[in-house]
Amino acid sequence: MVLKNNAFGIIDKEGELILPIGYEDIDVFSKKGYVIIIKDKKSGLYSLIDKKIIIPTEYGDIEKIKNGFRAYGRNYQVVEFSLGGEITKTCTSICASGI
């Protein structure tokens, strides 16, 4: 991780920038090579393995579920993503307990 002008980015072992500097915060999410990225107070998910953003920074919260991730957005929207970042299910928080 690298910090410049109060913004974070990620560099790899060779020192190459793999996630551009510009995030408010970066938090280790799991042992599987994912980190939560925060920009404009919204959360997204970055894969250190694939070196790409798999969930855009559009959500209030993200959690790990059995086969991927669950993100909570505006207007009670709940979106489930596969480990690769594909949307697998969407609903409102009313139905989230039954997902």
N, C-alpha and C. Protein backbone atom coordinates (compact mmCIF):
# COMPACT_ATOMS: atom_id res chain seq x y z
N MET A 1 0.86 -1.17 0.00
CA MET A 1 0.00 0.00 0.00
C MET A 1 0.91 1.24 0.00
N VAL A 2 0.44 2.27 -0.66
CA VAL A 2 1.20 3.50 -0.73
C VAL A 2 0.28 4.68 -0.39
N LEU A 3 0.83 5.68 0.29
CA LEU A 3 0.07 6.87 0.67
C LEU A 3 0.76 8.10 0.08
N LYS A 4 -0.02 8.94 -0.61
CA LYS A 4 0.51 10.18 -1.17
C LYS A 4 -0.59 11.22 -1.11
N ASN A 5 -0.28 12.38 -0.52
CA ASN A 5 -1.25 13.47 -0.41
C ASN A 5 -2.57 13.01 0.22
N ASN A 6 -2.46 12.21 1.29
CA ASN A 6 -3.64 11.69 2.02
C ASN A 6 -4.53 10.79 1.18
N ALA A 7 -3.99 10.16 0.15
CA ALA A 7 -4.74 9.21 -0.66
C ALA A 7 -3.92 7.93 -0.79
N PHE A 8 -4.63 6.80 -0.83
CA PHE A 8 -3.97 5.50 -0.88
C PHE A 8 -4.05 4.87 -2.27
N GLY A 9 -3.10 4.02 -2.53
CA GLY A 9 -3.07 3.16 -3.71
C GLY A 9 -2.37 1.88 -3.31
N ILE A 10 -2.17 0.98 -4.27
CA ILE A 10 -1.50 -0.29 -3.97
C ILE A 10 -0.38 -0.50 -4.98
N ILE A 11 0.77 -0.91 -4.45
CA ILE A 11 1.88 -1.30 -5.30
C ILE A 11 2.14 -2.79 -5.10
N ASP A 12 2.65 -3.44 -6.14
CA ASP A 12 2.95 -4.87 -6.03
C ASP A 12 4.37 -5.07 -5.49
N LYS A 13 4.81 -6.32 -5.43
CA LYS A 13 6.12 -6.64 -4.87
C LYS A 13 7.27 -6.01 -5.65
N GLU A 14 7.04 -5.75 -6.94
CA GLU A 14 8.06 -5.14 -7.78
C GLU A 14 8.05 -3.61 -7.69
N GLY A 15 7.11 -3.07 -6.92
CA GLY A 15 7.02 -1.63 -6.76
C GLY A 15 6.18 -0.94 -7.83
N GLU A 16 5.47 -1.72 -8.66
CA GLU A 16 4.61 -1.14 -9.69
C GLU A 16 3.24 -0.82 -9.10
N LEU A 17 2.70 0.32 -9.48
CA LEU A 17 1.39 0.74 -9.01
C LEU A 17 0.32 -0.10 -9.70
N ILE A 18 -0.44 -0.87 -8.92
CA ILE A 18 -1.49 -1.71 -9.51
C ILE A 18 -2.89 -1.16 -9.24
N LEU A 19 -3.02 -0.33 -8.22
CA LEU A 19 -4.27 0.38 -7.96
C LEU A 19 -3.90 1.85 -7.79
N PRO A 20 -4.36 2.71 -8.69
CA PRO A 20 -3.95 4.11 -8.66
C PRO A 20 -4.23 4.78 -7.31
N ILE A 21 -3.37 5.71 -6.95
CA ILE A 21 -3.55 6.50 -5.73
C ILE A 21 -4.79 7.36 -5.91
N GLY A 22 -5.64 7.39 -4.89
CA GLY A 22 -6.84 8.19 -4.98
C GLY A 22 -7.96 7.70 -4.06
N TYR A 23 -7.64 6.75 -3.20
CA TYR A 23 -8.65 6.18 -2.31
C TYR A 23 -8.47 6.70 -0.89
N GLU A 24 -9.60 6.95 -0.22
CA GLU A 24 -9.58 7.46 1.15
C GLU A 24 -9.01 6.45 2.12
N ASP A 25 -9.28 5.18 1.86
CA ASP A 25 -8.82 4.12 2.74
C ASP A 25 -8.79 2.81 1.98
N ILE A 26 -7.95 1.91 2.44
CA ILE A 26 -7.87 0.55 1.90
C ILE A 26 -7.75 -0.36 3.11
N ASP A 27 -8.64 -1.34 3.21
CA ASP A 27 -8.65 -2.26 4.34
C ASP A 27 -8.52 -3.70 3.85
N VAL A 28 -7.67 -4.48 4.52
CA VAL A 28 -7.57 -5.90 4.20
C VAL A 28 -8.90 -6.54 4.52
N PHE A 29 -9.43 -7.29 3.58
CA PHE A 29 -10.78 -7.84 3.73
C PHE A 29 -10.75 -9.31 4.13
N SER A 30 -9.91 -10.09 3.49
CA SER A 30 -9.86 -11.51 3.79
C SER A 30 -8.49 -12.05 3.43
N LYS A 31 -8.26 -13.28 3.79
CA LYS A 31 -6.99 -13.92 3.48
C LYS A 31 -6.93 -14.38 2.03
N LYS A 32 -7.99 -14.19 1.28
CA LYS A 32 -8.05 -14.68 -0.09
C LYS A 32 -7.59 -13.65 -1.11
N GLY A 33 -6.98 -12.57 -0.67
CA GLY A 33 -6.42 -11.62 -1.61
C GLY A 33 -7.35 -10.50 -2.06
N TYR A 34 -8.29 -10.12 -1.22
CA TYR A 34 -9.20 -9.03 -1.53
C TYR A 34 -9.02 -7.90 -0.52
N VAL A 35 -9.18 -6.67 -0.97
CA VAL A 35 -9.16 -5.53 -0.07
C VAL A 35 -10.35 -4.63 -0.37
N ILE A 36 -10.89 -4.05 0.69
CA ILE A 36 -11.96 -3.06 0.53
C ILE A 36 -11.30 -1.74 0.18
N ILE A 37 -11.83 -1.08 -0.84
CA ILE A 37 -11.33 0.24 -1.23
C ILE A 37 -12.45 1.25 -0.98
N ILE A 38 -12.09 2.41 -0.46
CA ILE A 38 -13.10 3.42 -0.12
C ILE A 38 -12.76 4.72 -0.83
N LYS A 39 -13.77 5.22 -1.56
CA LYS A 39 -13.62 6.48 -2.28
C LYS A 39 -14.94 7.23 -2.16
N ASP A 40 -14.87 8.51 -1.81
CA ASP A 40 -16.08 9.32 -1.63
C ASP A 40 -17.05 8.67 -0.65
N LYS A 41 -16.48 8.05 0.40
CA LYS A 41 -17.25 7.40 1.48
C LYS A 41 -18.08 6.23 1.00
N LYS A 42 -17.72 5.65 -0.14
CA LYS A 42 -18.40 4.46 -0.68
C LYS A 42 -17.38 3.34 -0.80
N SER A 43 -17.84 2.11 -0.55
CA SER A 43 -16.95 0.95 -0.54
C SER A 43 -17.03 0.17 -1.85
N GLY A 44 -15.90 -0.41 -2.21
CA GLY A 44 -15.79 -1.31 -3.34
C GLY A 44 -14.81 -2.41 -2.96
N LEU A 45 -14.49 -3.29 -3.90
CA LEU A 45 -13.61 -4.41 -3.61
C LEU A 45 -12.59 -4.57 -4.73
N TYR A 46 -11.34 -4.76 -4.33
CA TYR A 46 -10.24 -4.93 -5.28
C TYR A 46 -9.63 -6.31 -5.07
N SER A 47 -9.35 -7.02 -6.18
CA SER A 47 -8.71 -8.32 -6.12
C SER A 47 -7.21 -8.16 -6.31
N LEU A 48 -6.44 -8.52 -5.29
CA LEU A 48 -4.99 -8.47 -5.40
C LEU A 48 -4.47 -9.56 -6.33
N ILE A 49 -5.22 -10.62 -6.48
CA ILE A 49 -4.83 -11.74 -7.34
C ILE A 49 -5.01 -11.36 -8.81
N ASP A 50 -6.19 -10.85 -9.15
CA ASP A 50 -6.48 -10.48 -10.54
C ASP A 50 -6.04 -9.06 -10.88
N LYS A 51 -5.65 -8.30 -9.85
CA LYS A 51 -5.21 -6.91 -10.01
C LYS A 51 -6.26 -6.07 -10.72
N LYS A 52 -7.50 -6.17 -10.21
CA LYS A 52 -8.58 -5.37 -10.78
C LYS A 52 -9.67 -5.13 -9.75
N ILE A 53 -10.43 -4.06 -9.98
CA ILE A 53 -11.60 -3.77 -9.14
C ILE A 53 -12.70 -4.72 -9.55
N ILE A 54 -13.21 -5.49 -8.60
CA ILE A 54 -14.29 -6.42 -8.94
C ILE A 54 -15.65 -5.92 -8.47
N ILE A 55 -15.68 -5.03 -7.51
CA ILE A 55 -16.92 -4.36 -7.11
C ILE A 55 -16.62 -2.87 -7.08
N PRO A 56 -17.33 -2.09 -7.89
CA PRO A 56 -17.04 -0.64 -7.93
C PRO A 56 -17.37 0.04 -6.61
N THR A 57 -16.77 1.19 -6.38
CA THR A 57 -16.98 1.93 -5.13
C THR A 57 -18.31 2.66 -5.18
N GLU A 58 -19.38 1.88 -5.00
CA GLU A 58 -20.75 2.40 -5.06
C GLU A 58 -21.58 1.96 -3.86
N TYR A 59 -20.98 1.27 -2.89
CA TYR A 59 -21.77 0.63 -1.83
C TYR A 59 -21.38 1.14 -0.45
N GLY A 60 -22.34 1.04 0.47
CA GLY A 60 -22.11 1.47 1.84
C GLY A 60 -21.34 0.46 2.65
N ASP A 61 -21.55 -0.82 2.38
CA ASP A 61 -20.89 -1.87 3.15
C ASP A 61 -20.77 -3.11 2.27
N ILE A 62 -19.75 -3.90 2.52
CA ILE A 62 -19.52 -5.15 1.79
C ILE A 62 -19.16 -6.21 2.80
N GLU A 63 -19.74 -7.41 2.62
CA GLU A 63 -19.39 -8.51 3.51
C GLU A 63 -19.12 -9.76 2.70
N LYS A 64 -18.32 -10.67 3.26
CA LYS A 64 -18.01 -11.94 2.63
C LYS A 64 -19.16 -12.89 2.92
N ILE A 65 -19.60 -13.61 1.89
CA ILE A 65 -20.60 -14.67 2.06
C ILE A 65 -20.00 -15.95 1.49
N LYS A 66 -20.74 -17.03 1.56
CA LYS A 66 -20.21 -18.35 1.21
C LYS A 66 -19.50 -18.40 -0.14
N ASN A 67 -20.14 -17.94 -1.20
CA ASN A 67 -19.57 -18.06 -2.55
C ASN A 67 -19.24 -16.72 -3.18
N GLY A 68 -19.00 -15.71 -2.37
CA GLY A 68 -18.69 -14.40 -2.93
C GLY A 68 -18.82 -13.30 -1.91
N PHE A 69 -19.51 -12.23 -2.32
CA PHE A 69 -19.64 -11.04 -1.48
C PHE A 69 -21.05 -10.48 -1.57
N ARG A 70 -21.47 -9.80 -0.51
CA ARG A 70 -22.76 -9.11 -0.50
C ARG A 70 -22.48 -7.64 -0.24
N ALA A 71 -23.06 -6.78 -1.09
CA ALA A 71 -22.87 -5.34 -0.97
C ALA A 71 -24.22 -4.68 -0.71
N TYR A 72 -24.19 -3.66 0.14
CA TYR A 72 -25.41 -2.93 0.51
C TYR A 72 -25.32 -1.53 -0.07
N GLY A 73 -26.31 -1.19 -0.90
CA GLY A 73 -26.30 0.10 -1.57
C GLY A 73 -27.40 1.03 -1.12
N ARG A 74 -27.64 2.04 -1.95
CA ARG A 74 -28.68 3.03 -1.66
C ARG A 74 -30.07 2.41 -1.80
N ASN A 75 -31.03 3.04 -1.16
CA ASN A 75 -32.43 2.62 -1.23
C ASN A 75 -32.61 1.16 -0.85
N TYR A 76 -31.83 0.71 0.12
CA TYR A 76 -31.93 -0.65 0.68
C TYR A 76 -31.59 -1.74 -0.34
N GLN A 77 -30.86 -1.39 -1.38
CA GLN A 77 -30.48 -2.37 -2.39
C GLN A 77 -29.41 -3.31 -1.83
N VAL A 78 -29.58 -4.60 -2.11
CA VAL A 78 -28.60 -5.61 -1.73
C VAL A 78 -28.19 -6.33 -3.01
N VAL A 79 -26.87 -6.42 -3.23
CA VAL A 79 -26.35 -7.06 -4.44
C VAL A 79 -25.35 -8.11 -4.03
N GLU A 80 -25.50 -9.33 -4.60
CA GLU A 80 -24.53 -10.38 -4.34
C GLU A 80 -23.64 -10.53 -5.56
N PHE A 81 -22.34 -10.72 -5.30
CA PHE A 81 -21.34 -10.86 -6.34
C PHE A 81 -20.61 -12.19 -6.17
N SER A 82 -20.20 -12.79 -7.29
CA SER A 82 -19.34 -13.96 -7.24
C SER A 82 -17.94 -13.52 -6.84
N LEU A 83 -17.05 -14.46 -6.61
CA LEU A 83 -15.66 -14.12 -6.28
C LEU A 83 -14.99 -13.35 -7.40
N GLY A 84 -15.47 -13.52 -8.63
CA GLY A 84 -14.91 -12.82 -9.78
C GLY A 84 -15.55 -11.47 -10.04
N GLY A 85 -16.59 -11.13 -9.28
CA GLY A 85 -17.21 -9.82 -9.41
C GLY A 85 -18.48 -9.80 -10.24
N GLU A 86 -18.96 -10.95 -10.72
CA GLU A 86 -20.20 -10.98 -11.47
C GLU A 86 -21.39 -10.89 -10.51
N ILE A 87 -22.40 -10.10 -10.89
CA ILE A 87 -23.61 -10.00 -10.07
C ILE A 87 -24.37 -11.31 -10.17
N THR A 88 -24.69 -11.90 -9.03
CA THR A 88 -25.43 -13.16 -9.01
C THR A 88 -26.85 -13.01 -8.50
N LYS A 89 -27.12 -11.93 -7.74
CA LYS A 89 -28.46 -11.72 -7.22
C LYS A 89 -28.62 -10.28 -6.76
N THR A 90 -29.80 -9.71 -6.94
CA THR A 90 -30.11 -8.38 -6.42
C THR A 90 -31.48 -8.42 -5.78
N CYS A 91 -31.66 -7.60 -4.77
CA CYS A 91 -32.96 -7.46 -4.12
C CYS A 91 -32.89 -6.25 -3.19
N THR A 92 -33.92 -6.06 -2.39
CA THR A 92 -33.89 -5.03 -1.35
C THR A 92 -33.57 -5.69 -0.03
N SER A 93 -33.27 -4.92 0.98
CA SER A 93 -32.91 -5.49 2.28
C SER A 93 -34.06 -6.28 2.88
N ILE A 94 -35.27 -6.04 2.41
CA ILE A 94 -36.43 -6.80 2.90
C ILE A 94 -36.29 -8.27 2.57
N CYS A 95 -35.73 -8.57 1.40
CA CYS A 95 -35.56 -9.97 1.02
C CYS A 95 -34.16 -10.51 1.32
N ALA A 96 -33.25 -9.67 1.80
CA ALA A 96 -31.86 -10.10 2.02
C ALA A 96 -31.74 -11.23 3.02
N SER A 97 -32.61 -11.26 4.00
CA SER A 97 -32.51 -12.33 5.00
C SER A 97 -32.84 -13.68 4.40
N GLY A 98 -33.54 -13.69 3.27
CA GLY A 98 -33.88 -14.94 2.61
C GLY A 98 -32.97 -15.29 1.46
N ILE A 99 -31.92 -14.49 1.20
CA ILE A 99 -31.02 -14.77 0.07
C ILE A 99 -30.24 -16.03 0.34
